[in-house]
Amino acid sequence: MKQRKPIVIANWKLNGGLDLICVSVASFIGKHFDADIAICPPYIYMRDMMTFLQFSELHIGSQNVSRFESGAYTGETSAQMLREAGCSLCLVGHSERRAMFGETNEGCRIKVQTVINHGLLPVLCVGENQQEREANITESVLYQQLHEGLANIELHDKDLCIAYEPVWAIGTGLAATPQIAQQVHQFIRTQLVELFGTATANRLRILYGGSVNKMNTRELLSQPDVDGLLVGGASLDPGHFLTICRQASDLAVA
């Protein structure tokens, strides 16, 4: 049995619609999982997902969250609003938001604390791009992202997840090998020890994201420090995503 309960999160990104929601709901209603399962649809579909999935075990997450509590910030959605909508978790600092929307480590830190303050689960995304990997500075990049993105974060026994997503593997079909994933996750765990102490670091879950599919799920989750998966493209196929979730559930009780 895994030391930490596995978690699988679907990130639909700017995809999906009512048709995908209906098929996904039909796939998951009435099914039990020993892993935590969440879907992050576009904002506009969150309420629909909550309504359809209210009798299921699935959680609804957000792909982003505002760093602001309220005010004249057109287009923003606060952590309190997400919680009131039934959201359970928030992705913070996804590589696409860092690259396309200029999100910084400091901005991620503010978002993580805001999410925690409102009783939601922050999932801080970190990872290196192809050039950084080829330059052998993966650990340096991750160190900076973690120590700046989690500086002075007050957990107070609240939960937090880290999602390692090598940018070079997102949407490319080039998933990191389980051995590479474990090596990086182990490094992340050592940084969490520095930041929060051994006891807290050992209970926090570290997810892998980057071309995750039903063919590599078991081997990835069999690694001692890989506690979950952040699934992109494969989550848009309800049957494929259900298979991933079942494999994670099986490993949770194996």
Protein backbone atom coordinates (compact mmCIF):
# COMPACT_ATOMS: atom_id res chain seq x y z
CA MET A 1 0.00 0.00 0.00
CA LYS A 2 1.24 3.49 -0.83
CA GLN A 3 2.45 5.49 2.15
CA ARG A 4 0.42 8.45 0.98
CA LYS A 5 -3.04 8.19 -0.60
CA PRO A 6 -2.64 8.58 -4.38
CA ILE A 7 -4.30 11.53 -6.08
CA VAL A 8 -5.14 11.84 -9.78
CA ILE A 9 -6.09 15.24 -11.21
CA ALA A 10 -7.46 15.85 -14.69
CA ASN A 11 -6.54 19.20 -16.22
CA TRP A 12 -8.88 19.84 -19.14
CA LYS A 13 -7.19 23.16 -19.94
CA LEU A 14 -9.14 25.12 -22.60
CA ASN A 15 -11.03 22.05 -23.75
CA GLY A 16 -14.28 20.28 -23.14
CA GLY A 17 -17.94 21.17 -23.16
CA LEU A 18 -21.29 19.83 -22.01
CA ASP A 19 -20.86 16.71 -24.14
CA LEU A 20 -17.57 15.81 -22.42
CA ILE A 21 -19.10 16.55 -19.03
CA CYS A 22 -22.03 14.21 -19.68
CA VAL A 23 -19.82 11.34 -20.84
CA SER A 24 -17.38 11.87 -17.96
CA VAL A 25 -20.21 11.92 -15.43
CA ALA A 26 -21.64 8.71 -16.83
CA SER A 27 -18.22 7.09 -16.49
CA PHE A 28 -17.73 7.95 -12.81
CA ILE A 29 -21.15 7.94 -11.16
CA GLY A 30 -21.51 5.12 -8.67
CA LYS A 31 -17.88 4.04 -8.78
CA HIS A 32 -15.62 3.82 -5.71
CA PHE A 33 -11.94 4.73 -5.70
CA ASP A 34 -9.28 4.29 -3.03
CA ALA A 35 -7.39 7.20 -4.59
CA ASP A 36 -8.46 10.84 -4.60
CA ILE A 37 -9.79 11.83 -8.03
CA ALA A 38 -10.38 15.38 -9.26
CA ILE A 39 -11.28 17.10 -12.52
CA CYS A 40 -10.31 20.69 -13.35
CA PRO A 41 -12.65 21.87 -16.12
CA PRO A 42 -12.80 25.40 -17.52
CA TYR A 43 -14.35 27.84 -15.01
CA ILE A 44 -17.64 28.11 -16.86
CA TYR A 45 -18.36 24.39 -16.42
CA MET A 46 -17.51 24.05 -12.74
CA ARG A 47 -21.07 24.50 -11.52
CA ASP A 48 -22.36 21.99 -14.07
CA MET A 49 -19.75 19.49 -12.96
CA MET A 50 -20.66 20.00 -9.29
CA THR A 51 -24.34 19.46 -10.04
CA PHE A 52 -23.81 16.30 -12.05
CA LEU A 53 -21.16 14.82 -9.75
CA GLN A 54 -22.70 15.67 -6.38
CA PHE A 55 -23.37 12.00 -5.70
CA SER A 56 -19.97 10.80 -6.87
CA GLU A 57 -16.60 10.64 -5.12
CA LEU A 58 -14.95 13.03 -7.57
CA HIS A 59 -13.65 16.43 -6.55
CA ILE A 60 -13.79 19.54 -8.70
CA GLY A 61 -10.68 21.67 -9.04
CA SER A 62 -9.74 24.97 -10.62
CA GLN A 63 -7.03 25.46 -13.22
CA ASN A 64 -6.08 28.80 -11.69
CA VAL A 65 -6.96 31.21 -8.89
CA SER A 66 -6.58 34.92 -8.34
CA ARG A 67 -3.95 36.27 -5.99
CA PHE A 68 -6.50 38.92 -4.98
CA GLU A 69 -9.34 38.53 -2.49
CA SER A 70 -11.71 40.99 -4.17
CA GLY A 71 -11.77 44.33 -5.95
CA ALA A 72 -11.50 45.86 -9.40
CA TYR A 73 -9.70 42.95 -11.05
CA THR A 74 -11.66 42.21 -14.20
CA GLY A 75 -11.61 38.58 -15.26
CA GLU A 76 -10.25 37.25 -11.95
CA THR A 77 -11.83 34.55 -9.75
CA SER A 78 -11.02 34.47 -6.03
CA ALA A 79 -10.35 31.49 -3.80
CA GLN A 80 -13.45 32.29 -1.75
CA MET A 81 -15.61 32.30 -4.89
CA LEU A 82 -14.15 28.94 -5.92
CA ARG A 83 -14.82 27.45 -2.52
CA GLU A 84 -18.40 28.72 -2.56
CA ALA A 85 -18.82 27.12 -5.99
CA GLY A 86 -17.84 23.75 -4.51
CA CYS A 87 -14.22 23.66 -5.65
CA SER A 88 -11.83 21.51 -3.58
CA LEU A 89 -8.41 22.31 -5.04
CA CYS A 90 -6.57 24.80 -7.22
CA LEU A 91 -3.68 24.40 -9.62
CA VAL A 92 -1.10 27.12 -9.07
CA GLY A 93 1.72 28.08 -11.44
CA HIS A 94 1.07 25.60 -14.23
CA SER A 95 3.91 25.83 -16.76
CA GLU A 96 1.56 27.19 -19.41
CA ARG A 97 0.55 30.03 -17.13
CA ARG A 98 4.17 30.73 -16.26
CA ALA A 99 5.20 30.77 -19.94
CA MET A 100 2.16 32.44 -21.52
CA PHE A 101 0.89 34.71 -18.76
CA GLY A 102 4.09 35.64 -16.98
CA GLU A 103 3.30 34.06 -13.61
CA THR A 104 6.23 34.33 -11.20
CA ASN A 105 7.39 32.33 -8.20
CA GLU A 106 6.41 35.21 -5.91
CA GLY A 107 2.95 35.37 -7.45
CA CYS A 108 2.60 31.62 -6.97
CA ARG A 109 3.58 31.98 -3.32
CA ILE A 110 0.81 34.50 -2.74
CA LYS A 111 -1.69 32.25 -4.50
CA VAL A 112 -0.65 29.16 -2.50
CA GLN A 113 -1.15 30.97 0.81
CA THR A 114 -4.46 32.44 -0.34
CA VAL A 115 -5.74 29.01 -1.35
CA ILE A 116 -4.67 27.54 2.01
CA ASN A 117 -6.31 30.40 3.89
CA HIS A 118 -9.64 29.57 2.24
CA GLY A 119 -9.51 25.89 3.07
CA LEU A 120 -8.70 24.64 -0.42
CA LEU A 121 -5.87 22.37 -1.55
CA PRO A 122 -3.15 24.18 -3.52
CA VAL A 123 -1.30 22.14 -6.14
CA LEU A 124 1.90 24.03 -6.91
CA CYS A 125 3.28 23.12 -10.34
CA VAL A 126 7.04 23.13 -10.91
CA GLY A 127 9.30 21.87 -13.68
CA GLU A 128 12.13 22.57 -16.09
CA ASN A 129 11.99 23.15 -19.83
CA GLN A 130 14.03 21.35 -22.49
CA GLN A 131 16.85 23.89 -22.52
CA GLU A 132 17.19 23.78 -18.74
CA ARG A 133 17.24 20.00 -18.75
CA GLU A 134 19.91 19.89 -21.47
CA ALA A 135 21.97 22.38 -19.42
CA ASN A 136 21.72 20.01 -16.41
CA ILE A 137 20.16 22.68 -14.18
CA THR A 138 16.90 20.86 -13.39
CA GLU A 139 17.60 20.80 -9.66
CA SER A 140 18.60 24.46 -9.62
CA VAL A 141 15.38 25.44 -11.39
CA LEU A 142 13.24 23.35 -9.05
CA TYR A 143 15.07 24.67 -5.99
CA GLN A 144 14.24 28.23 -6.96
CA GLN A 145 10.64 27.47 -7.84
CA LEU A 146 10.06 25.63 -4.56
CA HIS A 147 11.93 27.92 -2.19
CA GLU A 148 10.51 31.10 -3.69
CA GLY A 149 7.05 29.66 -4.30
CA LEU A 150 6.75 28.27 -0.76
CA ALA A 151 8.76 30.79 1.26
CA ASN A 152 7.15 31.44 4.66
CA ILE A 153 4.04 29.48 3.74
CA GLU A 154 2.06 28.68 6.87
CA LEU A 155 0.52 25.23 6.55
CA HIS A 156 -0.61 24.70 10.17
CA ASP A 157 -1.37 21.04 9.40
CA LYS A 158 -3.20 22.02 6.20
CA ASP A 159 -2.55 20.08 3.02
CA LEU A 160 -0.41 20.98 0.01
CA CYS A 161 0.57 19.12 -3.16
CA ILE A 162 3.46 19.63 -5.53
CA ALA A 163 3.09 18.68 -9.18
CA TYR A 164 6.33 18.05 -11.05
CA GLU A 165 5.68 18.62 -14.73
CA PRO A 166 8.77 18.59 -16.94
CA VAL A 167 7.80 21.15 -19.57
CA TRP A 168 9.53 19.12 -22.28
CA ALA A 169 7.13 16.23 -21.64
CA ILE A 170 3.83 18.13 -21.67
CA GLY A 171 1.76 17.27 -24.70
CA THR A 172 4.77 15.86 -26.52
CA GLY A 173 4.31 12.18 -25.78
CA LEU A 174 7.79 12.20 -24.22
CA ALA A 175 7.05 11.24 -20.65
CA ALA A 176 9.90 11.12 -18.17
CA THR A 177 10.91 7.57 -17.36
CA PRO A 178 9.71 6.31 -13.97
CA GLN A 179 13.33 6.35 -12.82
CA ILE A 180 13.78 10.00 -13.82
CA ALA A 181 10.47 10.90 -12.20
CA GLN A 182 11.48 9.19 -8.96
CA GLN A 183 14.87 10.89 -8.91
CA VAL A 184 13.30 14.33 -9.32
CA HIS A 185 10.48 13.61 -6.86
CA GLN A 186 13.04 12.50 -4.29
CA PHE A 187 14.88 15.78 -4.76
CA ILE A 188 11.61 17.69 -4.31
CA ARG A 189 10.95 15.74 -1.11
CA THR A 190 14.33 16.81 0.29
CA GLN A 191 13.43 20.43 -0.42
CA LEU A 192 10.09 20.02 1.36
CA VAL A 193 12.03 18.71 4.35
CA GLU A 194 14.10 21.91 4.35
CA LEU A 195 10.98 24.05 4.06
CA PHE A 196 8.55 22.28 6.39
CA GLY A 197 10.45 19.62 8.36
CA THR A 198 10.58 15.86 7.94
CA ALA A 199 7.16 14.96 9.34
CA THR A 200 5.28 17.40 7.13
CA ALA A 201 7.37 16.64 4.06
CA ASN A 202 6.65 12.93 4.41
CA ARG A 203 2.90 13.46 4.39
CA LEU A 204 2.75 15.88 1.45
CA ARG A 205 1.99 14.36 -1.93
CA ILE A 206 4.09 14.94 -5.05
CA LEU A 207 2.41 14.39 -8.41
CA TYR A 208 3.93 13.72 -11.80
CA GLY A 209 2.52 15.39 -14.91
CA GLY A 210 3.72 15.15 -18.50
CA SER A 211 2.24 12.82 -21.15
CA VAL A 212 0.64 10.61 -18.51
CA ASN A 213 -1.43 7.77 -19.97
CA LYS A 214 -2.84 4.37 -19.06
CA MET A 215 0.33 2.68 -20.33
CA ASN A 216 2.71 4.40 -17.89
CA THR A 217 0.43 4.97 -14.90
CA ARG A 218 1.28 1.84 -12.93
CA GLU A 219 5.03 2.14 -13.33
CA LEU A 220 5.02 5.82 -12.42
CA LEU A 221 2.85 5.34 -9.34
CA SER A 222 4.95 2.37 -8.23
CA GLN A 223 7.84 4.75 -7.51
CA PRO A 224 8.15 5.51 -3.77
CA ASP A 225 7.94 9.30 -4.10
CA VAL A 226 5.39 9.53 -6.93
CA ASP A 227 2.12 10.01 -5.06
CA GLY A 228 -0.19 11.01 -7.86
CA LEU A 229 -0.65 12.18 -11.43
CA LEU A 230 -1.61 15.40 -13.19
CA VAL A 231 -3.23 14.23 -16.41
CA GLY A 232 -3.68 16.46 -19.45
CA GLY A 233 -4.66 15.15 -22.87
CA ALA A 234 -5.54 11.64 -21.71
CA SER A 235 -8.16 13.07 -19.33
CA LEU A 236 -10.21 14.32 -22.30
CA ASP A 237 -11.01 10.68 -23.10
CA PRO A 238 -13.35 9.59 -20.27
CA GLY A 239 -12.65 5.90 -20.78
CA HIS A 240 -8.90 6.42 -20.84
CA PHE A 241 -9.01 8.62 -17.74
CA LEU A 242 -11.21 6.10 -15.92
CA THR A 243 -8.61 3.40 -16.58
CA ILE A 244 -5.89 5.64 -15.11
CA CYS A 245 -8.02 6.27 -12.02
CA ARG A 246 -8.74 2.58 -11.54
CA GLN A 247 -5.03 1.75 -11.74
CA ALA A 248 -4.25 4.42 -9.15
CA SER A 249 -7.00 3.05 -6.91
CA ASP A 250 -5.66 -0.50 -7.27
CA LEU A 251 -2.17 0.61 -6.27
CA ALA A 252 -3.53 2.42 -3.22
CA VAL A 253 -4.62 -0.88 -1.70
CA ALA A 254 -2.03 -3.22 -3.24
